[in-house]
Amino acid sequence: MSYQQKQNKPSSDLMRYAGLGSQIFAALGIAVFVGYKADAWLKAPLPLLVWILPFVVLCLMIYKLIKETSKRNKTNAES
């Protein structure tokens, strides 16, 4: 790896993780909105989907985050 690549690496990592954080934030917002609308459409007495959908999305996004960071660690170990 050249000096230029090593120098740009921290900023690219920062942008990568900032992107993942933005995805988590947007996905949770969409899940809450969809859950709210679905509960209103179903006329549910308990706002169950507002709680379940964001929880499922959060679990999936944490799984994705773990996969992405472990993939990153494997590439670092090989270099």
PDB file of N, CA and C in Angstrom:
ATOM      1  N   MET A   1       0.852  -1.173   0.000  1.00  0.00           N
ATOM      2  CA  MET A   1       0.000   0.000   0.000  1.00  0.00           C
ATOM      3  C   MET A   1       0.894   1.232   0.000  1.00  0.00           C
ATOM      4  N   SER A   2       0.596   2.166  -0.866  1.00  0.00           N
ATOM      5  CA  SER A   2       1.419   3.365  -0.969  1.00  0.00           C
ATOM      6  C   SER A   2       1.099   4.346   0.158  1.00  0.00           C
ATOM      7  N   TYR A   3       1.955   5.342   0.285  1.00  0.00           N
ATOM      8  CA  TYR A   3       1.772   6.359   1.320  1.00  0.00           C
ATOM      9  C   TYR A   3       0.464   7.118   1.117  1.00  0.00           C
ATOM     10  N   GLN A   4       0.135   7.430  -0.135  1.00  0.00           N
ATOM     11  CA  GLN A   4      -1.095   8.176  -0.445  1.00  0.00           C
ATOM     12  C   GLN A   4      -2.330   7.375  -0.034  1.00  0.00           C
ATOM     13  N   GLN A   5      -2.322   6.073  -0.287  1.00  0.00           N
ATOM     14  CA  GLN A   5      -3.456   5.236   0.091  1.00  0.00           C
ATOM     15  C   GLN A   5      -3.605   5.176   1.612  1.00  0.00           C
ATOM     16  N   LYS A   6      -2.490   5.073   2.333  1.00  0.00           N
ATOM     17  CA  LYS A   6      -2.548   5.030   3.793  1.00  0.00           C
ATOM     18  C   LYS A   6      -3.045   6.351   4.364  1.00  0.00           C
ATOM     19  N   GLN A   7      -2.672   7.445   3.721  1.00  0.00           N
ATOM     20  CA  GLN A   7      -3.072   8.767   4.214  1.00  0.00           C
ATOM     21  C   GLN A   7      -4.572   8.992   4.023  1.00  0.00           C
ATOM     22  N   ASN A   8      -5.167   8.522   2.942  1.00  0.00           N
ATOM     23  CA  ASN A   8      -6.594   8.702   2.671  1.00  0.00           C
ATOM     24  C   ASN A   8      -7.464   7.679   3.385  1.00  0.00           C
ATOM     25  N   LYS A   9      -6.874   6.655   3.939  1.00  0.00           N
ATOM     26  CA  LYS A   9      -7.631   5.576   4.557  1.00  0.00           C
ATOM     27  C   LYS A   9      -8.519   6.022   5.727  1.00  0.00           C
ATOM     28  N   PRO A  10      -8.040   6.822   6.690  1.00  0.00           N
ATOM     29  CA  PRO A  10      -8.918   7.224   7.799  1.00  0.00           C
ATOM     30  C   PRO A  10     -10.144   8.020   7.339  1.00  0.00           C
ATOM     31  N   SER A  11      -9.982   8.898   6.370  1.00  0.00           N
ATOM     32  CA  SER A  11     -11.136   9.679   5.929  1.00  0.00           C
ATOM     33  C   SER A  11     -12.128   8.808   5.168  1.00  0.00           C
ATOM     34  N   SER A  12     -11.641   7.812   4.423  1.00  0.00           N
ATOM     35  CA  SER A  12     -12.570   6.927   3.717  1.00  0.00           C
ATOM     36  C   SER A  12     -13.309   6.036   4.718  1.00  0.00           C
ATOM     37  N   ASP A  13     -12.625   5.610   5.780  1.00  0.00           N
ATOM     38  CA  ASP A  13     -13.289   4.834   6.826  1.00  0.00           C
ATOM     39  C   ASP A  13     -14.353   5.670   7.528  1.00  0.00           C
ATOM     40  N   LEU A  14     -14.040   6.917   7.779  1.00  0.00           N
ATOM     41  CA  LEU A  14     -14.991   7.812   8.425  1.00  0.00           C
ATOM     42  C   LEU A  14     -16.239   7.974   7.567  1.00  0.00           C
ATOM     43  N   MET A  15     -16.063   8.170   6.286  1.00  0.00           N
ATOM     44  CA  MET A  15     -17.209   8.329   5.388  1.00  0.00           C
ATOM     45  C   MET A  15     -18.005   7.037   5.280  1.00  0.00           C
ATOM     46  N   ARG A  16     -17.310   5.920   5.307  1.00  0.00           N
ATOM     47  CA  ARG A  16     -17.992   4.621   5.225  1.00  0.00           C
ATOM     48  C   ARG A  16     -18.894   4.407   6.443  1.00  0.00           C
ATOM     49  N   TYR A  17     -18.362   4.654   7.630  1.00  0.00           N
ATOM     50  CA  TYR A  17     -19.140   4.448   8.851  1.00  0.00           C
ATOM     51  C   TYR A  17     -20.211   5.526   9.024  1.00  0.00           C
ATOM     52  N   ALA A  18     -19.951   6.722   8.549  1.00  0.00           N
ATOM     53  CA  ALA A  18     -20.983   7.757   8.569  1.00  0.00           C
ATOM     54  C   ALA A  18     -22.129   7.360   7.648  1.00  0.00           C
ATOM     55  N   GLY A  19     -21.813   6.752   6.535  1.00  0.00           N
ATOM     56  CA  GLY A  19     -22.842   6.257   5.626  1.00  0.00           C
ATOM     57  C   GLY A  19     -23.679   5.157   6.259  1.00  0.00           C
ATOM     58  N   LEU A  20     -23.026   4.249   6.975  1.00  0.00           N
ATOM     59  CA  LEU A  20     -23.765   3.191   7.666  1.00  0.00           C
ATOM     60  C   LEU A  20     -24.670   3.768   8.749  1.00  0.00           C
ATOM     61  N   GLY A  21     -24.183   4.777   9.454  1.00  0.00           N
ATOM     62  CA  GLY A  21     -25.008   5.432  10.473  1.00  0.00           C
ATOM     63  C   GLY A  21     -26.211   6.120   9.858  1.00  0.00           C
ATOM     64  N   SER A  22     -26.008   6.744   8.718  1.00  0.00           N
ATOM     65  CA  SER A  22     -27.119   7.398   8.015  1.00  0.00           C
ATOM     66  C   SER A  22     -28.149   6.378   7.557  1.00  0.00           C
ATOM     67  N   GLN A  23     -27.683   5.226   7.087  1.00  0.00           N
ATOM     68  CA  GLN A  23     -28.603   4.170   6.665  1.00  0.00           C
ATOM     69  C   GLN A  23     -29.443   3.673   7.832  1.00  0.00           C
ATOM     70  N   ILE A  24     -28.811   3.497   8.988  1.00  0.00           N
ATOM     71  CA  ILE A  24     -29.545   3.035  10.173  1.00  0.00           C
ATOM     72  C   ILE A  24     -30.600   4.068  10.572  1.00  0.00           C
ATOM     73  N   PHE A  25     -30.216   5.329  10.598  1.00  0.00           N
ATOM     74  CA  PHE A  25     -31.139   6.404  10.971  1.00  0.00           C
ATOM     75  C   PHE A  25     -32.316   6.481  10.003  1.00  0.00           C
ATOM     76  N   ALA A  26     -32.059   6.428   8.708  1.00  0.00           N
ATOM     77  CA  ALA A  26     -33.118   6.508   7.703  1.00  0.00           C
ATOM     78  C   ALA A  26     -34.023   5.277   7.760  1.00  0.00           C
ATOM     79  N   ALA A  27     -33.433   4.106   7.917  1.00  0.00           N
ATOM     80  CA  ALA A  27     -34.223   2.877   7.966  1.00  0.00           C
ATOM     81  C   ALA A  27     -35.142   2.860   9.186  1.00  0.00           C
ATOM     82  N   LEU A  28     -34.646   3.328  10.322  1.00  0.00           N
ATOM     83  CA  LEU A  28     -35.486   3.388  11.522  1.00  0.00           C
ATOM     84  C   LEU A  28     -36.630   4.392  11.348  1.00  0.00           C
ATOM     85  N   GLY A  29     -36.336   5.523  10.753  1.00  0.00           N
ATOM     86  CA  GLY A  29     -37.382   6.515  10.500  1.00  0.00           C
ATOM     87  C   GLY A  29     -38.465   5.981   9.587  1.00  0.00           C
ATOM     88  N   ILE A  30     -38.063   5.306   8.528  1.00  0.00           N
ATOM     89  CA  ILE A  30     -39.039   4.725   7.595  1.00  0.00           C
ATOM     90  C   ILE A  30     -39.848   3.632   8.281  1.00  0.00           C
ATOM     91  N   ALA A  31     -39.188   2.805   9.103  1.00  0.00           N
ATOM     92  CA  ALA A  31     -39.890   1.728   9.795  1.00  0.00           C
ATOM     93  C   ALA A  31     -40.928   2.274  10.774  1.00  0.00           C
ATOM     94  N   VAL A  32     -40.595   3.345  11.485  1.00  0.00           N
ATOM     95  CA  VAL A  32     -41.555   3.951  12.411  1.00  0.00           C
ATOM     96  C   VAL A  32     -42.735   4.530  11.630  1.00  0.00           C
ATOM     97  N   PHE A  33     -42.448   5.211  10.534  1.00  0.00           N
ATOM     98  CA  PHE A  33     -43.519   5.805   9.722  1.00  0.00           C
ATOM     99  C   PHE A  33     -44.440   4.722   9.154  1.00  0.00           C
ATOM    100  N   VAL A  34     -43.863   3.663   8.594  1.00  0.00           N
ATOM    101  CA  VAL A  34     -44.668   2.574   8.028  1.00  0.00           C
ATOM    102  C   VAL A  34     -45.466   1.884   9.129  1.00  0.00           C
ATOM    103  N   GLY A  35     -44.853   1.662  10.289  1.00  0.00           N
ATOM    104  CA  GLY A  35     -45.569   1.044  11.400  1.00  0.00           C
ATOM    105  C   GLY A  35     -46.725   1.899  11.877  1.00  0.00           C
ATOM    106  N   TYR A  36     -46.506   3.211  11.937  1.00  0.00           N
ATOM    107  CA  TYR A  36     -47.566   4.134  12.354  1.00  0.00           C
ATOM    108  C   TYR A  36     -48.739   4.101  11.369  1.00  0.00           C
ATOM    109  N   LYS A  37     -48.432   4.163  10.082  1.00  0.00           N
ATOM    110  CA  LYS A  37     -49.478   4.137   9.057  1.00  0.00           C
ATOM    111  C   LYS A  37     -50.189   2.786   9.033  1.00  0.00           C
ATOM    112  N   ALA A  38     -49.449   1.702   9.209  1.00  0.00           N
ATOM    113  CA  ALA A  38     -50.064   0.374   9.207  1.00  0.00           C
ATOM    114  C   ALA A  38     -50.982   0.198  10.420  1.00  0.00           C
ATOM    115  N   ASP A  39     -50.573   0.695  11.568  1.00  0.00           N
ATOM    116  CA  ASP A  39     -51.430   0.615  12.747  1.00  0.00           C
ATOM    117  C   ASP A  39     -52.699   1.449  12.563  1.00  0.00           C
ATOM    118  N   ALA A  40     -52.570   2.598  11.924  1.00  0.00           N
ATOM    119  CA  ALA A  40     -53.748   3.431  11.671  1.00  0.00           C
ATOM    120  C   ALA A  40     -54.672   2.749  10.678  1.00  0.00           C
ATOM    121  N   TRP A  41     -54.094   2.118   9.659  1.00  0.00           N
ATOM    122  CA  TRP A  41     -54.906   1.442   8.642  1.00  0.00           C
ATOM    123  C   TRP A  41     -55.616   0.223   9.223  1.00  0.00           C
ATOM    124  N   LEU A  42     -54.941  -0.499  10.102  1.00  0.00           N
ATOM    125  CA  LEU A  42     -55.537  -1.681  10.734  1.00  0.00           C
ATOM    126  C   LEU A  42     -56.445  -1.317  11.900  1.00  0.00           C
ATOM    127  N   LYS A  43     -56.408  -0.059  12.324  1.00  0.00           N
ATOM    128  CA  LYS A  43     -57.173   0.423  13.485  1.00  0.00           C
ATOM    129  C   LYS A  43     -56.887  -0.438  14.713  1.00  0.00           C
ATOM    130  N   ALA A  44     -55.608  -0.702  14.913  1.00  0.00           N
ATOM    131  CA  ALA A  44     -55.186  -1.535  16.038  1.00  0.00           C
ATOM    132  C   ALA A  44     -55.350  -0.764  17.348  1.00  0.00           C
ATOM    133  N   PRO A  45     -55.886  -1.420  18.381  1.00  0.00           N
ATOM    134  CA  PRO A  45     -56.038  -0.734  19.672  1.00  0.00           C
ATOM    135  C   PRO A  45     -54.683  -0.491  20.350  1.00  0.00           C
ATOM    136  N   LEU A  46     -53.692  -1.274  19.992  1.00  0.00           N
ATOM    137  CA  LEU A  46     -52.356  -1.162  20.563  1.00  0.00           C
ATOM    138  C   LEU A  46     -51.376  -0.875  19.420  1.00  0.00           C
ATOM    139  N   PRO A  47     -50.525   0.126  19.537  1.00  0.00           N
ATOM    140  CA  PRO A  47     -49.596   0.442  18.433  1.00  0.00           C
ATOM    141  C   PRO A  47     -48.453  -0.578  18.346  1.00  0.00           C
ATOM    142  N   LEU A  48     -48.793  -1.777  17.955  1.00  0.00           N
ATOM    143  CA  LEU A  48     -47.835  -2.870  17.960  1.00  0.00           C
ATOM    144  C   LEU A  48     -46.803  -2.755  16.841  1.00  0.00           C
ATOM    145  N   LEU A  49     -47.229  -2.405  15.635  1.00  0.00           N
ATOM    146  CA  LEU A  49     -46.299  -2.340  14.507  1.00  0.00           C
ATOM    147  C   LEU A  49     -45.305  -1.185  14.628  1.00  0.00           C
ATOM    148  N   VAL A  50     -45.691  -0.146  15.347  1.00  0.00           N
ATOM    149  CA  VAL A  50     -44.762   0.963  15.573  1.00  0.00           C
ATOM    150  C   VAL A  50     -43.563   0.484  16.404  1.00  0.00           C
ATOM    151  N   TRP A  51     -43.762  -0.523  17.204  1.00  0.00           N
ATOM    152  CA  TRP A  51     -42.673  -1.055  18.021  1.00  0.00           C
ATOM    153  C   TRP A  51     -41.955  -2.218  17.330  1.00  0.00           C
ATOM    154  N   ILE A  52     -42.701  -3.070  16.651  1.00  0.00           N
ATOM    155  CA  ILE A  52     -42.114  -4.283  16.067  1.00  0.00           C
ATOM    156  C   ILE A  52     -41.260  -3.976  14.842  1.00  0.00           C
ATOM    157  N   LEU A  53     -41.766  -3.169  13.915  1.00  0.00           N
ATOM    158  CA  LEU A  53     -41.014  -2.899  12.687  1.00  0.00           C
ATOM    159  C   LEU A  53     -39.653  -2.237  12.942  1.00  0.00           C
ATOM    160  N   PRO A  54     -39.573  -1.184  13.757  1.00  0.00           N
ATOM    161  CA  PRO A  54     -38.240  -0.625  14.021  1.00  0.00           C
ATOM    162  C   PRO A  54     -37.300  -1.607  14.724  1.00  0.00           C
ATOM    163  N   PHE A  55     -37.844  -2.455  15.587  1.00  0.00           N
ATOM    164  CA  PHE A  55     -37.015  -3.455  16.257  1.00  0.00           C
ATOM    165  C   PHE A  55     -36.425  -4.438  15.252  1.00  0.00           C
ATOM    166  N   VAL A  56     -37.247  -4.901  14.321  1.00  0.00           N
ATOM    167  CA  VAL A  56     -36.772  -5.825  13.287  1.00  0.00           C
ATOM    168  C   VAL A  56     -35.725  -5.135  12.410  1.00  0.00           C
ATOM    169  N   VAL A  57     -36.005  -3.894  12.012  1.00  0.00           N
ATOM    170  CA  VAL A  57     -35.060  -3.147  11.179  1.00  0.00           C
ATOM    171  C   VAL A  57     -33.750  -2.933  11.927  1.00  0.00           C
ATOM    172  N   LEU A  58     -33.819  -2.607  13.197  1.00  0.00           N
ATOM    173  CA  LEU A  58     -32.612  -2.397  13.991  1.00  0.00           C
ATOM    174  C   LEU A  58     -31.786  -3.679  14.077  1.00  0.00           C
ATOM    175  N   CYS A  59     -32.437  -4.813  14.287  1.00  0.00           N
ATOM    176  CA  CYS A  59     -31.715  -6.090  14.336  1.00  0.00           C
ATOM    177  C   CYS A  59     -31.029  -6.379  13.000  1.00  0.00           C
ATOM    178  N   LEU A  60     -31.733  -6.133  11.899  1.00  0.00           N
ATOM    179  CA  LEU A  60     -31.149  -6.369  10.580  1.00  0.00           C
ATOM    180  C   LEU A  60     -29.990  -5.415  10.291  1.00  0.00           C
ATOM    181  N   MET A  61     -30.115  -4.166  10.709  1.00  0.00           N
ATOM    182  CA  MET A  61     -29.049  -3.201  10.463  1.00  0.00           C
ATOM    183  C   MET A  61     -27.819  -3.498  11.328  1.00  0.00           C
ATOM    184  N   ILE A  62     -28.016  -3.967  12.543  1.00  0.00           N
ATOM    185  CA  ILE A  62     -26.876  -4.359  13.380  1.00  0.00           C
ATOM    186  C   ILE A  62     -26.175  -5.565  12.769  1.00  0.00           C
ATOM    187  N   TYR A  63     -26.949  -6.506  12.241  1.00  0.00           N
ATOM    188  CA  TYR A  63     -26.369  -7.661  11.551  1.00  0.00           C
ATOM    189  C   TYR A  63     -25.539  -7.196  10.356  1.00  0.00           C
ATOM    190  N   LYS A  64     -26.089  -6.261   9.579  1.00  0.00           N
ATOM    191  CA  LYS A  64     -25.366  -5.727   8.424  1.00  0.00           C
ATOM    192  C   LYS A  64     -24.090  -5.010   8.868  1.00  0.00           C
ATOM    193  N   LEU A  65     -24.175  -4.244   9.941  1.00  0.00           N
ATOM    194  CA  LEU A  65     -23.018  -3.525  10.461  1.00  0.00           C
ATOM    195  C   LEU A  65     -21.917  -4.495  10.892  1.00  0.00           C
ATOM    196  N   ILE A  66     -22.288  -5.570  11.556  1.00  0.00           N
ATOM    197  CA  ILE A  66     -21.311  -6.570  11.986  1.00  0.00           C
ATOM    198  C   ILE A  66     -20.667  -7.235  10.781  1.00  0.00           C
ATOM    199  N   LYS A  67     -21.467  -7.563   9.761  1.00  0.00           N
ATOM    200  CA  LYS A  67     -20.906  -8.164   8.551  1.00  0.00           C
ATOM    201  C   LYS A  67     -19.941  -7.222   7.858  1.00  0.00           C
ATOM    202  N   GLU A  68     -20.314  -5.953   7.746  1.00  0.00           N
ATOM    203  CA  GLU A  68     -19.464  -4.969   7.073  1.00  0.00           C
ATOM    204  C   GLU A  68     -18.149  -4.763   7.819  1.00  0.00           C
ATOM    205  N   THR A  69     -18.216  -4.656   9.130  1.00  0.00           N
ATOM    206  CA  THR A  69     -16.987  -4.396   9.888  1.00  0.00           C
ATOM    207  C   THR A  69     -16.108  -5.641   9.957  1.00  0.00           C
ATOM    208  N   SER A  70     -16.687  -6.828  10.010  1.00  0.00           N
ATOM    209  CA  SER A  70     -15.856  -8.025  10.028  1.00  0.00           C
ATOM    210  C   SER A  70     -15.214  -8.246   8.667  1.00  0.00           C
ATOM    211  N   LYS A  71     -15.909  -7.896   7.594  1.00  0.00           N
ATOM    212  CA  LYS A  71     -15.334  -7.988   6.259  1.00  0.00           C
ATOM    213  C   LYS A  71     -14.149  -7.033   6.155  1.00  0.00           C
ATOM    214  N   ARG A  72     -14.291  -5.856   6.748  1.00  0.00           N
ATOM    215  CA  ARG A  72     -13.223  -4.854   6.738  1.00  0.00           C
ATOM    216  C   ARG A  72     -12.013  -5.360   7.519  1.00  0.00           C
ATOM    217  N   ASN A  73     -12.249  -6.020   8.636  1.00  0.00           N
ATOM    218  CA  ASN A  73     -11.144  -6.548   9.443  1.00  0.00           C
ATOM    219  C   ASN A  73     -10.417  -7.679   8.726  1.00  0.00           C
ATOM    220  N   LYS A  74     -11.160  -8.504   7.982  1.00  0.00           N
ATOM    221  CA  LYS A  74     -10.523  -9.603   7.242  1.00  0.00           C
ATOM    222  C   LYS A  74      -9.606  -9.063   6.155  1.00  0.00           C
ATOM    223  N   THR A  75     -10.034  -7.990   5.473  1.00  0.00           N
ATOM    224  CA  THR A  75      -9.192  -7.404   4.428  1.00  0.00           C
ATOM    225  C   THR A  75      -7.962  -6.754   5.046  1.00  0.00           C
ATOM    226  N   ASN A  76      -8.083  -6.179   6.217  1.00  0.00           N
ATOM    227  CA  ASN A  76      -6.929  -5.588   6.894  1.00  0.00           C
ATOM    228  C   ASN A  76      -5.928  -6.667   7.326  1.00  0.00           C
ATOM    229  N   ALA A  77      -6.422  -7.817   7.733  1.00  0.00           N
ATOM    230  CA  ALA A  77      -5.553  -8.895   8.174  1.00  0.00           C
ATOM    231  C   ALA A  77      -4.774  -9.489   7.005  1.00  0.00           C
ATOM    232  N   GLU A  78      -5.389  -9.503   5.824  1.00  0.00           N
ATOM    233  CA  GLU A  78      -4.732 -10.052   4.646  1.00  0.00           C
ATOM    234  C   GLU A  78      -3.669  -9.127   4.078  1.00  0.00           C
ATOM    235  N   SER A  79      -3.785  -7.810   4.307  1.00  0.00           N
ATOM    236  CA  SER A  79      -2.829  -6.851   3.749  1.00  0.00           C
ATOM    237  C   SER A  79      -1.528  -6.863   4.488  1.00  0.00           C
TER     238      SER A  79
END
